[in-house]
Amino acid sequence: MTPRDAAAETFDAECRACPRLAAFLDTVRAAHPDYHAAPVPPFGDASARLLVVGLAPGMHGANRTGRPFTGDYAGLLLYATLHRHGFANQARGDAVDDGLQLIDCRISNAVKCLPPDNKPVGAEVRTCNRFLATELAAPGAPRVLLALGKVAHEAVLQALGLRASAYRFSHGADQVLPDGRRLIASYHCSRYNTNTRRLTPEMFDTVVAAARAAVDALTAVPA
């Protein structure tokens, strides 16, 4: 397999495999011709040791800018916290040309396309899971996984061929998977969760700190 073939399996910029999502993006593109309004690729170093997995692009965030968690409310907390723990060179991500760089960190989504009402259906998560599975199976794939929300948590498990019932989601859960990888779970850093205080900045800082400790504990010897 060539590098180009491998890249195509981890992301497809032209993907229209989910009819509902493809039709919705067509509508959004017509209403907002200046928006990215297409599948959003992962962001960061493919050889990073930490992979953050979100749910899906937000309407006026990643769907607008073309970069995960960029330009929306959820990104404010995510990038500020990643920066605090040394995973980003700056605390904000507002636009694709803002100079933000991730450090030993990569961000992907369980679903690469904007879903109506920010809610992908199960079939869409399953269809898109092949990209995440390829990402996690690649040589040098991340050894520490931070899942933002239950859908992302279960998408990671599906991508690794594991049963969700064996690794249940709860905020702050820190589980060692059969291949030795660490799967850390957090409530999603959405506006709703932070406004309702289901997720506070302190709670989110704690899980990212756990991810930092897990990455720092890794040795240079391949797993």
N, C-alpha and C. Protein backbone atom coordinates (compact mmCIF):
# COMPACT_ATOMS: atom_id res chain seq x y z
N MET A 1 0.84 -1.20 0.00
CA MET A 1 0.00 0.00 0.00
C MET A 1 0.88 1.25 0.00
N THR A 2 0.58 2.17 -0.86
CA THR A 2 1.36 3.40 -0.93
C THR A 2 0.93 4.36 0.16
N PRO A 3 1.79 5.36 0.53
CA PRO A 3 1.36 6.36 1.51
C PRO A 3 0.08 7.06 1.11
N ARG A 4 -0.10 7.28 -0.19
CA ARG A 4 -1.32 7.94 -0.64
C ARG A 4 -2.54 7.07 -0.37
N ASP A 5 -2.40 5.75 -0.61
CA ASP A 5 -3.51 4.83 -0.33
C ASP A 5 -3.86 4.83 1.15
N ALA A 6 -2.82 4.82 2.00
CA ALA A 6 -3.06 4.81 3.44
C ALA A 6 -3.77 6.08 3.88
N ALA A 7 -3.35 7.22 3.33
CA ALA A 7 -4.00 8.48 3.67
C ALA A 7 -5.46 8.48 3.27
N ALA A 8 -5.75 7.87 2.11
CA ALA A 8 -7.12 7.81 1.63
C ALA A 8 -8.00 6.99 2.57
N GLU A 9 -7.40 6.01 3.25
CA GLU A 9 -8.18 5.18 4.16
C GLU A 9 -8.41 5.85 5.50
N THR A 10 -7.56 6.77 5.89
CA THR A 10 -7.77 7.46 7.16
C THR A 10 -8.68 8.67 7.01
N PHE A 11 -8.85 9.13 5.76
CA PHE A 11 -9.73 10.27 5.52
C PHE A 11 -10.05 10.34 4.04
N ASP A 12 -11.30 10.69 3.73
CA ASP A 12 -11.74 10.87 2.35
C ASP A 12 -12.46 12.20 2.24
N ALA A 13 -11.81 13.17 1.62
CA ALA A 13 -12.39 14.52 1.51
C ALA A 13 -13.64 14.55 0.64
N GLU A 14 -13.84 13.53 -0.18
CA GLU A 14 -14.99 13.49 -1.07
C GLU A 14 -16.06 12.50 -0.61
N CYS A 15 -15.93 11.99 0.59
CA CYS A 15 -16.84 10.94 1.05
C CYS A 15 -18.30 11.41 1.06
N ARG A 16 -19.18 10.56 0.53
CA ARG A 16 -20.63 10.78 0.56
C ARG A 16 -21.33 9.47 0.92
N ALA A 17 -20.68 8.70 1.79
CA ALA A 17 -21.18 7.36 2.12
C ALA A 17 -22.45 7.39 2.95
N CYS A 18 -22.70 8.50 3.64
CA CYS A 18 -23.91 8.62 4.47
C CYS A 18 -24.88 9.58 3.78
N PRO A 19 -25.95 9.07 3.17
CA PRO A 19 -26.84 9.92 2.37
C PRO A 19 -27.41 11.11 3.15
N ARG A 20 -27.79 10.91 4.39
CA ARG A 20 -28.38 12.01 5.17
C ARG A 20 -27.35 13.12 5.39
N LEU A 21 -26.13 12.75 5.74
CA LEU A 21 -25.09 13.74 5.99
C LEU A 21 -24.68 14.45 4.71
N ALA A 22 -24.57 13.69 3.62
CA ALA A 22 -24.20 14.29 2.34
C ALA A 22 -25.24 15.31 1.90
N ALA A 23 -26.52 14.96 2.04
CA ALA A 23 -27.59 15.87 1.64
C ALA A 23 -27.60 17.11 2.54
N PHE A 24 -27.34 16.90 3.83
CA PHE A 24 -27.33 18.04 4.75
C PHE A 24 -26.18 18.99 4.42
N LEU A 25 -25.02 18.45 4.11
CA LEU A 25 -23.88 19.30 3.75
C LEU A 25 -24.17 20.08 2.46
N ASP A 26 -24.88 19.47 1.53
CA ASP A 26 -25.26 20.19 0.31
C ASP A 26 -26.11 21.41 0.65
N THR A 27 -27.04 21.22 1.58
CA THR A 27 -27.90 22.32 1.99
C THR A 27 -27.10 23.41 2.70
N VAL A 28 -26.22 23.00 3.59
CA VAL A 28 -25.40 23.96 4.34
C VAL A 28 -24.48 24.72 3.40
N ARG A 29 -23.91 24.03 2.43
CA ARG A 29 -23.00 24.68 1.47
C ARG A 29 -23.73 25.73 0.65
N ALA A 30 -24.97 25.45 0.32
CA ALA A 30 -25.75 26.43 -0.45
C ALA A 30 -26.08 27.66 0.40
N ALA A 31 -26.35 27.43 1.69
CA ALA A 31 -26.69 28.54 2.58
C ALA A 31 -25.46 29.32 3.02
N HIS A 32 -24.31 28.63 3.09
CA HIS A 32 -23.07 29.26 3.55
C HIS A 32 -21.94 28.93 2.58
N PRO A 33 -21.91 29.55 1.43
CA PRO A 33 -20.92 29.20 0.40
C PRO A 33 -19.47 29.44 0.83
N ASP A 34 -19.26 30.21 1.87
CA ASP A 34 -17.89 30.45 2.35
C ASP A 34 -17.46 29.44 3.41
N TYR A 35 -18.34 28.50 3.79
CA TYR A 35 -18.00 27.49 4.78
C TYR A 35 -17.25 26.32 4.13
N HIS A 36 -16.48 25.61 4.93
CA HIS A 36 -15.82 24.39 4.47
C HIS A 36 -16.88 23.38 4.01
N ALA A 37 -17.87 23.11 4.85
CA ALA A 37 -19.04 22.30 4.52
C ALA A 37 -18.69 21.02 3.76
N ALA A 38 -17.78 20.25 4.31
CA ALA A 38 -17.31 19.00 3.72
C ALA A 38 -16.72 18.16 4.86
N PRO A 39 -16.36 16.91 4.58
CA PRO A 39 -15.70 16.14 5.64
C PRO A 39 -14.49 16.88 6.20
N VAL A 40 -14.31 16.83 7.51
CA VAL A 40 -13.22 17.55 8.17
C VAL A 40 -12.11 16.56 8.54
N PRO A 41 -10.90 16.80 8.07
CA PRO A 41 -9.80 15.86 8.34
C PRO A 41 -9.30 15.95 9.77
N PRO A 42 -8.63 14.91 10.24
CA PRO A 42 -7.95 14.99 11.54
C PRO A 42 -6.91 16.10 11.50
N PHE A 43 -6.52 16.57 12.68
CA PHE A 43 -5.57 17.67 12.81
C PHE A 43 -4.46 17.25 13.76
N GLY A 44 -3.21 17.45 13.34
CA GLY A 44 -2.08 17.14 14.20
C GLY A 44 -1.16 16.11 13.58
N ASP A 45 -0.13 15.77 14.31
CA ASP A 45 0.89 14.85 13.86
C ASP A 45 0.37 13.42 13.87
N ALA A 46 0.48 12.73 12.73
CA ALA A 46 0.01 11.35 12.65
C ALA A 46 0.79 10.42 13.58
N SER A 47 1.98 10.81 14.00
CA SER A 47 2.79 9.98 14.89
C SER A 47 2.66 10.40 16.35
N ALA A 48 1.71 11.27 16.66
CA ALA A 48 1.50 11.74 18.03
C ALA A 48 1.14 10.58 18.95
N ARG A 49 1.50 10.69 20.20
CA ARG A 49 1.18 9.63 21.16
C ARG A 49 -0.20 9.80 21.77
N LEU A 50 -0.78 10.99 21.69
CA LEU A 50 -2.13 11.23 22.20
C LEU A 50 -3.08 11.50 21.04
N LEU A 51 -4.21 10.79 21.03
CA LEU A 51 -5.28 11.07 20.08
C LEU A 51 -6.52 11.48 20.85
N VAL A 52 -7.01 12.68 20.57
CA VAL A 52 -8.26 13.16 21.13
C VAL A 52 -9.36 12.88 20.11
N VAL A 53 -10.42 12.22 20.53
CA VAL A 53 -11.51 11.87 19.62
C VAL A 53 -12.77 12.60 20.05
N GLY A 54 -13.27 13.45 19.17
CA GLY A 54 -14.50 14.17 19.42
C GLY A 54 -15.68 13.49 18.76
N LEU A 55 -16.81 14.18 18.74
CA LEU A 55 -18.03 13.61 18.17
C LEU A 55 -18.10 13.85 16.66
N ALA A 56 -18.24 15.12 16.26
CA ALA A 56 -18.40 15.48 14.85
C ALA A 56 -18.17 16.98 14.72
N PRO A 57 -17.95 17.47 13.51
CA PRO A 57 -17.78 18.92 13.33
C PRO A 57 -19.01 19.70 13.78
N GLY A 58 -18.79 20.88 14.37
CA GLY A 58 -19.88 21.77 14.74
C GLY A 58 -20.24 22.67 13.58
N MET A 59 -21.49 23.08 13.51
CA MET A 59 -21.98 23.88 12.39
C MET A 59 -21.12 25.10 12.09
N HIS A 60 -20.86 25.91 13.12
CA HIS A 60 -20.14 27.16 12.89
C HIS A 60 -18.70 27.09 13.41
N GLY A 61 -18.26 25.88 13.72
CA GLY A 61 -16.88 25.66 14.13
C GLY A 61 -16.12 24.95 13.03
N ALA A 62 -15.84 23.65 13.23
CA ALA A 62 -15.06 22.89 12.25
C ALA A 62 -15.73 22.84 10.89
N ASN A 63 -17.07 22.78 10.85
CA ASN A 63 -17.75 22.77 9.56
C ASN A 63 -17.52 24.07 8.78
N ARG A 64 -17.29 25.14 9.52
CA ARG A 64 -17.00 26.43 8.87
C ARG A 64 -15.53 26.57 8.50
N THR A 65 -14.65 26.17 9.43
CA THR A 65 -13.22 26.43 9.25
C THR A 65 -12.46 25.29 8.58
N GLY A 66 -12.96 24.07 8.74
CA GLY A 66 -12.27 22.92 8.16
C GLY A 66 -11.22 22.31 9.06
N ARG A 67 -11.20 22.69 10.35
CA ARG A 67 -10.24 22.11 11.31
C ARG A 67 -10.98 21.77 12.60
N PRO A 68 -10.78 20.59 13.17
CA PRO A 68 -11.54 20.18 14.36
C PRO A 68 -11.47 21.20 15.49
N PHE A 69 -12.62 21.48 16.07
CA PHE A 69 -12.76 22.34 17.25
C PHE A 69 -12.23 23.76 17.03
N THR A 70 -12.19 24.20 15.81
CA THR A 70 -11.65 25.52 15.51
C THR A 70 -12.77 26.51 15.23
N GLY A 71 -12.82 27.57 16.04
CA GLY A 71 -13.81 28.61 15.83
C GLY A 71 -15.13 28.39 16.52
N ASP A 72 -15.19 27.43 17.46
CA ASP A 72 -16.44 27.24 18.19
C ASP A 72 -16.19 27.21 19.70
N TYR A 73 -17.26 27.19 20.45
CA TYR A 73 -17.17 27.30 21.91
C TYR A 73 -16.41 26.13 22.51
N ALA A 74 -16.67 24.91 22.01
CA ALA A 74 -16.00 23.74 22.57
C ALA A 74 -14.49 23.85 22.44
N GLY A 75 -14.04 24.45 21.34
CA GLY A 75 -12.61 24.59 21.12
C GLY A 75 -11.93 25.51 22.11
N LEU A 76 -12.69 26.47 22.67
CA LEU A 76 -12.09 27.38 23.64
C LEU A 76 -11.53 26.62 24.84
N LEU A 77 -12.34 25.72 25.38
CA LEU A 77 -11.90 24.94 26.52
C LEU A 77 -10.87 23.89 26.11
N LEU A 78 -11.11 23.23 24.98
CA LEU A 78 -10.20 22.16 24.56
C LEU A 78 -8.79 22.69 24.33
N TYR A 79 -8.64 23.72 23.50
CA TYR A 79 -7.30 24.17 23.16
C TYR A 79 -6.60 24.86 24.33
N ALA A 80 -7.35 25.57 25.16
CA ALA A 80 -6.74 26.19 26.34
C ALA A 80 -6.18 25.12 27.27
N THR A 81 -6.91 24.01 27.41
CA THR A 81 -6.47 22.95 28.31
C THR A 81 -5.32 22.16 27.72
N LEU A 82 -5.39 21.88 26.41
CA LEU A 82 -4.27 21.20 25.77
C LEU A 82 -2.99 22.04 25.88
N HIS A 83 -3.13 23.35 25.70
CA HIS A 83 -1.97 24.23 25.82
C HIS A 83 -1.40 24.20 27.23
N ARG A 84 -2.26 24.22 28.22
CA ARG A 84 -1.82 24.23 29.61
C ARG A 84 -0.99 22.99 29.94
N HIS A 85 -1.29 21.88 29.27
CA HIS A 85 -0.59 20.64 29.54
C HIS A 85 0.45 20.29 28.48
N GLY A 86 0.82 21.27 27.67
CA GLY A 86 1.93 21.09 26.74
C GLY A 86 1.61 20.39 25.44
N PHE A 87 0.33 20.26 25.11
CA PHE A 87 -0.05 19.58 23.87
C PHE A 87 -0.32 20.55 22.72
N ALA A 88 -0.23 21.84 22.94
CA ALA A 88 -0.46 22.84 21.90
C ALA A 88 0.45 24.04 22.15
N ASN A 89 0.82 24.73 21.07
CA ASN A 89 1.74 25.86 21.20
C ASN A 89 1.05 27.16 21.58
N GLN A 90 -0.28 27.17 21.55
CA GLN A 90 -1.03 28.35 21.96
C GLN A 90 -2.39 27.92 22.49
N ALA A 91 -3.05 28.85 23.16
CA ALA A 91 -4.26 28.49 23.91
C ALA A 91 -5.55 28.65 23.12
N ARG A 92 -5.49 29.17 21.90
CA ARG A 92 -6.71 29.38 21.12
C ARG A 92 -6.54 28.81 19.71
N GLY A 93 -7.69 28.41 19.15
CA GLY A 93 -7.74 27.96 17.77
C GLY A 93 -8.95 28.58 17.11
N ASP A 94 -8.74 29.69 16.40
CA ASP A 94 -9.86 30.43 15.82
C ASP A 94 -10.01 30.26 14.31
N ALA A 95 -8.91 29.97 13.63
CA ALA A 95 -8.92 29.85 12.17
C ALA A 95 -7.77 28.95 11.74
N VAL A 96 -7.87 28.38 10.55
CA VAL A 96 -6.86 27.42 10.11
C VAL A 96 -5.49 28.06 9.90
N ASP A 97 -5.45 29.39 9.76
CA ASP A 97 -4.17 30.07 9.54
C ASP A 97 -3.71 30.82 10.79
N ASP A 98 -4.15 30.41 11.98
CA ASP A 98 -3.84 31.15 13.20
C ASP A 98 -2.52 30.74 13.84
N GLY A 99 -1.80 29.80 13.24
CA GLY A 99 -0.51 29.38 13.77
C GLY A 99 -0.57 28.31 14.83
N LEU A 100 -1.76 27.81 15.14
CA LEU A 100 -1.89 26.76 16.14
C LEU A 100 -1.20 25.48 15.66
N GLN A 101 -0.41 24.90 16.54
CA GLN A 101 0.23 23.62 16.28
C GLN A 101 0.02 22.72 17.49
N LEU A 102 -0.26 21.47 17.23
CA LEU A 102 -0.38 20.49 18.30
C LEU A 102 0.98 19.84 18.53
N ILE A 103 1.23 19.46 19.77
CA ILE A 103 2.52 18.89 20.15
C ILE A 103 2.28 17.49 20.72
N ASP A 104 2.73 16.46 19.99
CA ASP A 104 2.54 15.07 20.40
C ASP A 104 1.06 14.76 20.61
N CYS A 105 0.22 15.40 19.80
CA CYS A 105 -1.24 15.28 19.95
C CYS A 105 -1.89 15.36 18.57
N ARG A 106 -2.97 14.64 18.41
CA ARG A 106 -3.75 14.65 17.17
C ARG A 106 -5.22 14.66 17.57
N ILE A 107 -6.03 15.32 16.78
CA ILE A 107 -7.47 15.39 17.06
C ILE A 107 -8.24 14.83 15.87
N SER A 108 -9.17 13.96 16.14
CA SER A 108 -10.01 13.38 15.11
C SER A 108 -11.45 13.38 15.63
N ASN A 109 -12.37 12.98 14.78
CA ASN A 109 -13.78 12.89 15.18
C ASN A 109 -14.34 11.53 14.85
N ALA A 110 -15.31 11.09 15.66
CA ALA A 110 -15.97 9.83 15.38
C ALA A 110 -16.69 9.88 14.04
N VAL A 111 -17.25 11.05 13.71
CA VAL A 111 -17.94 11.28 12.43
C VAL A 111 -17.31 12.51 11.81
N LYS A 112 -16.89 12.41 10.56
CA LYS A 112 -16.11 13.48 9.94
C LYS A 112 -16.98 14.56 9.31
N CYS A 113 -18.29 14.33 9.18
CA CYS A 113 -19.19 15.31 8.56
C CYS A 113 -20.16 15.88 9.58
N LEU A 114 -20.56 17.12 9.35
CA LEU A 114 -21.55 17.78 10.20
C LEU A 114 -22.88 17.03 10.15
N PRO A 115 -23.43 16.62 11.31
CA PRO A 115 -24.75 15.99 11.33
C PRO A 115 -25.82 17.02 11.71
N PRO A 116 -27.05 16.84 11.24
CA PRO A 116 -28.14 17.72 11.68
C PRO A 116 -28.27 17.71 13.19
N ASP A 117 -28.44 18.89 13.78
CA ASP A 117 -28.61 19.02 15.24
C ASP A 117 -27.44 18.44 16.04
N ASN A 118 -26.28 18.33 15.39
CA ASN A 118 -25.09 17.77 16.05
C ASN A 118 -25.30 16.35 16.56
N LYS A 119 -26.18 15.60 15.91
CA LYS A 119 -26.50 14.25 16.39
C LYS A 119 -26.42 13.24 15.24
N PRO A 120 -25.27 12.58 15.08
CA PRO A 120 -25.19 11.51 14.09
C PRO A 120 -25.99 10.31 14.57
N VAL A 121 -26.54 9.55 13.65
CA VAL A 121 -27.24 8.32 14.01
C VAL A 121 -26.23 7.18 14.03
N GLY A 122 -26.65 6.07 14.64
CA GLY A 122 -25.73 4.95 14.80
C GLY A 122 -25.13 4.46 13.50
N ALA A 123 -25.93 4.39 12.46
CA ALA A 123 -25.43 3.90 11.17
C ALA A 123 -24.32 4.80 10.63
N GLU A 124 -24.43 6.10 10.88
CA GLU A 124 -23.41 7.04 10.40
C GLU A 124 -22.11 6.88 11.18
N VAL A 125 -22.23 6.65 12.47
CA VAL A 125 -21.03 6.42 13.28
C VAL A 125 -20.34 5.14 12.81
N ARG A 126 -21.12 4.11 12.54
CA ARG A 126 -20.53 2.84 12.09
C ARG A 126 -19.90 2.98 10.72
N THR A 127 -20.54 3.70 9.81
CA THR A 127 -19.99 3.86 8.46
C THR A 127 -18.67 4.62 8.49
N CYS A 128 -18.60 5.65 9.31
CA CYS A 128 -17.40 6.48 9.39
C CYS A 128 -16.29 5.82 10.21
N ASN A 129 -16.62 4.76 10.93
CA ASN A 129 -15.66 4.17 11.86
C ASN A 129 -14.45 3.57 11.15
N ARG A 130 -14.58 3.25 9.87
CA ARG A 130 -13.45 2.65 9.15
C ARG A 130 -12.26 3.60 9.13
N PHE A 131 -12.51 4.90 9.08
CA PHE A 131 -11.40 5.85 9.07
C PHE A 131 -10.67 5.85 10.40
N LEU A 132 -11.43 5.85 11.49
CA LEU A 132 -10.82 5.82 12.82
C LEU A 132 -10.08 4.50 13.04
N ALA A 133 -10.67 3.41 12.56
CA ALA A 133 -10.03 2.10 12.71
C ALA A 133 -8.68 2.07 12.01
N THR A 134 -8.61 2.65 10.81
CA THR A 134 -7.35 2.68 10.07
C THR A 134 -6.34 3.56 10.79
N GLU A 135 -6.82 4.67 11.34
CA GLU A 135 -5.94 5.58 12.08
C GLU A 135 -5.32 4.87 13.28
N LEU A 136 -6.13 4.08 13.98
CA LEU A 136 -5.65 3.40 15.18
C LEU A 136 -4.82 2.16 14.87
N ALA A 137 -4.91 1.66 13.65
CA ALA A 137 -4.16 0.47 13.26
C ALA A 137 -2.84 0.81 12.58
N ALA A 138 -2.62 2.07 12.28
CA ALA A 138 -1.42 2.48 11.56
C ALA A 138 -0.17 2.28 12.42
N PRO A 139 0.98 2.01 11.79
CA PRO A 139 2.23 1.92 12.55
C PRO A 139 2.47 3.22 13.33
N GLY A 140 2.86 3.08 14.58
CA GLY A 140 3.10 4.26 15.40
C GLY A 140 1.84 4.97 15.83
N ALA A 141 0.70 4.28 15.79
CA ALA A 141 -0.58 4.90 16.18
C ALA A 141 -0.54 5.31 17.64
N PRO A 142 -1.37 6.28 18.02
CA PRO A 142 -1.37 6.78 19.40
C PRO A 142 -1.59 5.69 20.43
N ARG A 143 -0.91 5.82 21.56
CA ARG A 143 -1.05 4.85 22.65
C ARG A 143 -1.95 5.36 23.76
N VAL A 144 -2.27 6.64 23.74
CA VAL A 144 -3.17 7.23 24.72
C VAL A 144 -4.33 7.86 23.96
N LEU A 145 -5.55 7.50 24.33
CA LEU A 145 -6.74 7.93 23.62
C LEU A 145 -7.65 8.66 24.60
N LEU A 146 -8.00 9.88 24.24
CA LEU A 146 -8.91 10.69 25.07
C LEU A 146 -10.21 10.86 24.31
N ALA A 147 -11.27 10.21 24.78
CA ALA A 147 -12.56 10.25 24.10
C ALA A 147 -13.46 11.29 24.76
N LEU A 148 -13.99 12.20 23.94
CA LEU A 148 -14.86 13.26 24.43
C LEU A 148 -16.31 12.87 24.20
N GLY A 149 -16.93 12.30 25.22
CA GLY A 149 -18.32 11.89 25.13
C GLY A 149 -18.49 10.41 24.87
N LYS A 150 -19.69 9.92 25.16
CA LYS A 150 -19.96 8.48 25.04
C LYS A 150 -19.88 7.99 23.60
N VAL A 151 -20.37 8.79 22.64
CA VAL A 151 -20.33 8.34 21.24
C VAL A 151 -18.89 8.15 20.79
N ALA A 152 -18.02 9.10 21.12
CA ALA A 152 -16.61 8.99 20.75
C ALA A 152 -15.96 7.81 21.47
N HIS A 153 -16.28 7.63 22.73
CA HIS A 153 -15.74 6.52 23.52
C HIS A 153 -16.09 5.18 22.87
N GLU A 154 -17.34 5.01 22.50
CA GLU A 154 -17.77 3.75 21.89
C GLU A 154 -17.24 3.60 20.47
N ALA A 155 -17.03 4.72 19.77
CA ALA A 155 -16.45 4.66 18.43
C ALA A 155 -15.01 4.15 18.50
N VAL A 156 -14.26 4.58 19.50
CA VAL A 156 -12.89 4.09 19.68
C VAL A 156 -12.90 2.59 19.92
N LEU A 157 -13.78 2.14 20.80
CA LEU A 157 -13.86 0.71 21.09
C LEU A 157 -14.24 -0.08 19.85
N GLN A 158 -15.21 0.43 19.09
CA GLN A 158 -15.60 -0.25 17.85
C GLN A 158 -14.43 -0.32 16.89
N ALA A 159 -13.69 0.76 16.77
CA ALA A 159 -12.55 0.80 15.85
C ALA A 159 -11.48 -0.21 16.24
N LEU A 160 -11.39 -0.53 17.52
CA LEU A 160 -10.41 -1.49 18.01
C LEU A 160 -10.98 -2.91 18.13
N GLY A 161 -12.24 -3.08 17.72
CA GLY A 161 -12.86 -4.39 17.77
C GLY A 161 -13.22 -4.85 19.17
N LEU A 162 -13.48 -3.89 20.06
CA LEU A 162 -13.79 -4.21 21.45
C LEU A 162 -15.26 -3.94 21.76
N ARG A 163 -15.79 -4.63 22.74
CA ARG A 163 -17.20 -4.46 23.13
C ARG A 163 -17.35 -3.29 24.08
N ALA A 164 -18.30 -2.42 23.78
CA ALA A 164 -18.54 -1.26 24.64
C ALA A 164 -18.96 -1.69 26.05
N SER A 165 -19.64 -2.81 26.16
CA SER A 165 -20.12 -3.28 27.47
C SER A 165 -18.96 -3.66 28.39
N ALA A 166 -17.80 -3.93 27.82
CA ALA A 166 -16.65 -4.31 28.63
C ALA A 166 -15.86 -3.10 29.12
N TYR A 167 -16.12 -1.94 28.51
CA TYR A 167 -15.38 -0.72 28.86
C TYR A 167 -16.39 0.43 28.89
N ARG A 168 -17.15 0.48 29.93
CA ARG A 168 -18.26 1.43 29.97
C ARG A 168 -17.78 2.86 30.14
N PHE A 169 -18.54 3.76 29.51
CA PHE A 169 -18.20 5.18 29.57
C PHE A 169 -18.61 5.80 30.90
N SER A 170 -17.72 6.57 31.46
CA SER A 170 -18.05 7.47 32.56
C SER A 170 -16.99 8.55 32.57
N HIS A 171 -17.36 9.74 33.00
CA HIS A 171 -16.39 10.82 33.01
C HIS A 171 -15.23 10.47 33.95
N GLY A 172 -14.02 10.60 33.42
CA GLY A 172 -12.82 10.31 34.20
C GLY A 172 -12.38 8.86 34.16
N ALA A 173 -13.15 8.00 33.49
CA ALA A 173 -12.74 6.59 33.38
C ALA A 173 -11.38 6.51 32.70
N ASP A 174 -10.51 5.68 33.22
CA ASP A 174 -9.16 5.52 32.69
C ASP A 174 -8.90 4.02 32.61
N GLN A 175 -8.98 3.48 31.39
CA GLN A 175 -8.98 2.04 31.22
C GLN A 175 -7.80 1.59 30.36
N VAL A 176 -7.20 0.47 30.74
CA VAL A 176 -6.13 -0.13 29.95
C VAL A 176 -6.76 -1.16 29.03
N LEU A 177 -6.52 -1.02 27.74
CA LEU A 177 -7.11 -1.91 26.75
C LEU A 177 -6.21 -3.13 26.54
N PRO A 178 -6.72 -4.18 25.90
CA PRO A 178 -5.94 -5.41 25.75
C PRO A 178 -4.58 -5.22 25.08
N ASP A 179 -4.46 -4.24 24.20
CA ASP A 179 -3.17 -4.01 23.53
C ASP A 179 -2.27 -3.07 24.32
N GLY A 180 -2.69 -2.72 25.55
CA GLY A 180 -1.87 -1.87 26.40
C GLY A 180 -2.16 -0.39 26.27
N ARG A 181 -2.98 0.00 25.32
CA ARG A 181 -3.31 1.41 25.18
C ARG A 181 -4.19 1.87 26.35
N ARG A 182 -4.10 3.17 26.64
CA ARG A 182 -4.95 3.78 27.66
C ARG A 182 -6.09 4.51 26.98
N LEU A 183 -7.31 4.26 27.45
CA LEU A 183 -8.49 4.97 26.98
C LEU A 183 -9.05 5.77 28.14
N ILE A 184 -8.98 7.10 28.01
CA ILE A 184 -9.45 8.01 29.04
C ILE A 184 -10.71 8.69 28.52
N ALA A 185 -11.72 8.80 29.36
CA ALA A 185 -13.01 9.34 28.92
C ALA A 185 -13.33 10.65 29.62
N SER A 186 -13.98 11.53 28.89
CA SER A 186 -14.45 12.80 29.45
C SER A 186 -15.82 13.12 28.87
N TYR A 187 -16.61 13.85 29.64
CA TYR A 187 -17.78 14.46 29.02
C TYR A 187 -17.27 15.38 27.91
N HIS A 188 -18.07 15.52 26.87
CA HIS A 188 -17.69 16.40 25.76
C HIS A 188 -17.65 17.86 26.24
N CYS A 189 -16.67 18.60 25.74
CA CYS A 189 -16.50 20.00 26.15
C CYS A 189 -17.42 20.93 25.36
N SER A 190 -18.66 20.55 25.20
CA SER A 190 -19.64 21.33 24.45
C SER A 190 -20.14 22.51 25.28
N ARG A 191 -20.73 23.47 24.59
CA ARG A 191 -21.32 24.62 25.29
C ARG A 191 -22.38 24.15 26.27
N TYR A 192 -23.22 23.20 25.87
CA TYR A 192 -24.29 22.73 26.76
C TYR A 192 -23.69 22.15 28.05
N ASN A 193 -22.70 21.27 27.92
CA ASN A 193 -22.14 20.63 29.10
C ASN A 193 -21.44 21.62 30.02
N THR A 194 -20.77 22.60 29.44
CA THR A 194 -20.06 23.57 30.29
C THR A 194 -21.03 24.58 30.89
N ASN A 195 -22.04 25.00 30.12
CA ASN A 195 -23.02 25.95 30.66
C ASN A 195 -23.84 25.35 31.80
N THR A 196 -24.16 24.06 31.70
CA THR A 196 -24.94 23.40 32.74
C THR A 196 -24.06 22.90 33.89
N ARG A 197 -22.75 23.08 33.76
CA ARG A 197 -21.78 22.66 34.76
C ARG A 197 -21.70 21.15 34.89
N ARG A 198 -22.22 20.45 33.90
CA ARG A 198 -21.99 19.00 33.89
C ARG A 198 -20.49 18.75 33.76
N LEU A 199 -19.84 19.64 32.99
CA LEU A 199 -18.39 19.60 32.85
C LEU A 199 -17.83 20.96 33.21
N THR A 200 -17.01 21.01 34.22
CA THR A 200 -16.37 22.27 34.61
C THR A 200 -14.95 22.29 34.05
N PRO A 201 -14.35 23.47 33.94
CA PRO A 201 -12.95 23.54 33.50
C PRO A 201 -12.03 22.69 34.38
N GLU A 202 -12.32 22.64 35.68
CA GLU A 202 -11.49 21.86 36.58
C GLU A 202 -11.62 20.36 36.30
N MET A 203 -12.85 19.92 36.01
CA MET A 203 -13.05 18.51 35.67
C MET A 203 -12.32 18.15 34.39
N PHE A 204 -12.39 19.04 33.41
CA PHE A 204 -11.74 18.75 32.14
C PHE A 204 -10.22 18.78 32.30
N ASP A 205 -9.73 19.71 33.09
CA ASP A 205 -8.29 19.78 33.33
C ASP A 205 -7.78 18.48 33.94
N THR A 206 -8.58 17.88 34.80
CA THR A 206 -8.16 16.64 35.46
C THR A 206 -7.97 15.51 34.46
N VAL A 207 -8.88 15.38 33.49
CA VAL A 207 -8.74 14.28 32.53
C VAL A 207 -7.60 14.54 31.55
N VAL A 208 -7.39 15.79 31.17
CA VAL A 208 -6.27 16.09 30.27
C VAL A 208 -4.95 15.90 31.02
N ALA A 209 -4.93 16.22 32.31
CA ALA A 209 -3.75 15.96 33.12
C ALA A 209 -3.46 14.46 33.18
N ALA A 210 -4.51 13.65 33.25
CA ALA A 210 -4.33 12.19 33.24
C ALA A 210 -3.74 11.73 31.92
N ALA A 211 -4.21 12.34 30.82
CA ALA A 211 -3.66 12.01 29.51
C ALA A 211 -2.18 12.42 29.43
N ARG A 212 -1.86 13.58 29.98
CA ARG A 212 -0.47 14.04 30.00
C ARG A 212 0.42 13.06 30.77
N ALA A 213 -0.06 12.61 31.91
CA ALA A 213 0.70 11.66 32.72
C ALA A 213 0.88 10.33 31.99
N ALA A 214 -0.18 9.89 31.29
CA ALA A 214 -0.10 8.65 30.56
C ALA A 214 0.89 8.73 29.41
N VAL A 215 0.90 9.86 28.70
CA VAL A 215 1.86 10.05 27.62
C VAL A 215 3.28 10.11 28.16
N ASP A 216 3.46 10.83 29.26
CA ASP A 216 4.80 10.95 29.84
C ASP A 216 5.32 9.63 30.36
N ALA A 217 4.42 8.71 30.69
CA ALA A 217 4.83 7.42 31.21
C ALA A 217 5.28 6.45 30.12
N LEU A 218 4.98 6.80 28.87
CA LEU A 218 5.38 5.94 27.77
C LEU A 218 6.90 5.99 27.60
N THR A 219 7.48 4.87 27.23
CA THR A 219 8.91 4.84 26.95
C THR A 219 9.13 5.00 25.46
N ALA A 220 10.37 5.15 25.09
CA ALA A 220 10.72 5.28 23.67
C ALA A 220 10.74 3.94 22.97
N VAL A 221 10.58 2.87 23.72
CA VAL A 221 10.58 1.52 23.13
C VAL A 221 9.21 1.25 22.54
N PRO A 222 9.12 0.85 21.24
CA PRO A 222 7.81 0.59 20.64
C PRO A 222 7.04 -0.46 21.42
N ALA A 223 5.71 -0.21 21.53
CA ALA A 223 4.87 -1.14 22.29
C ALA A 223 4.67 -2.44 21.52
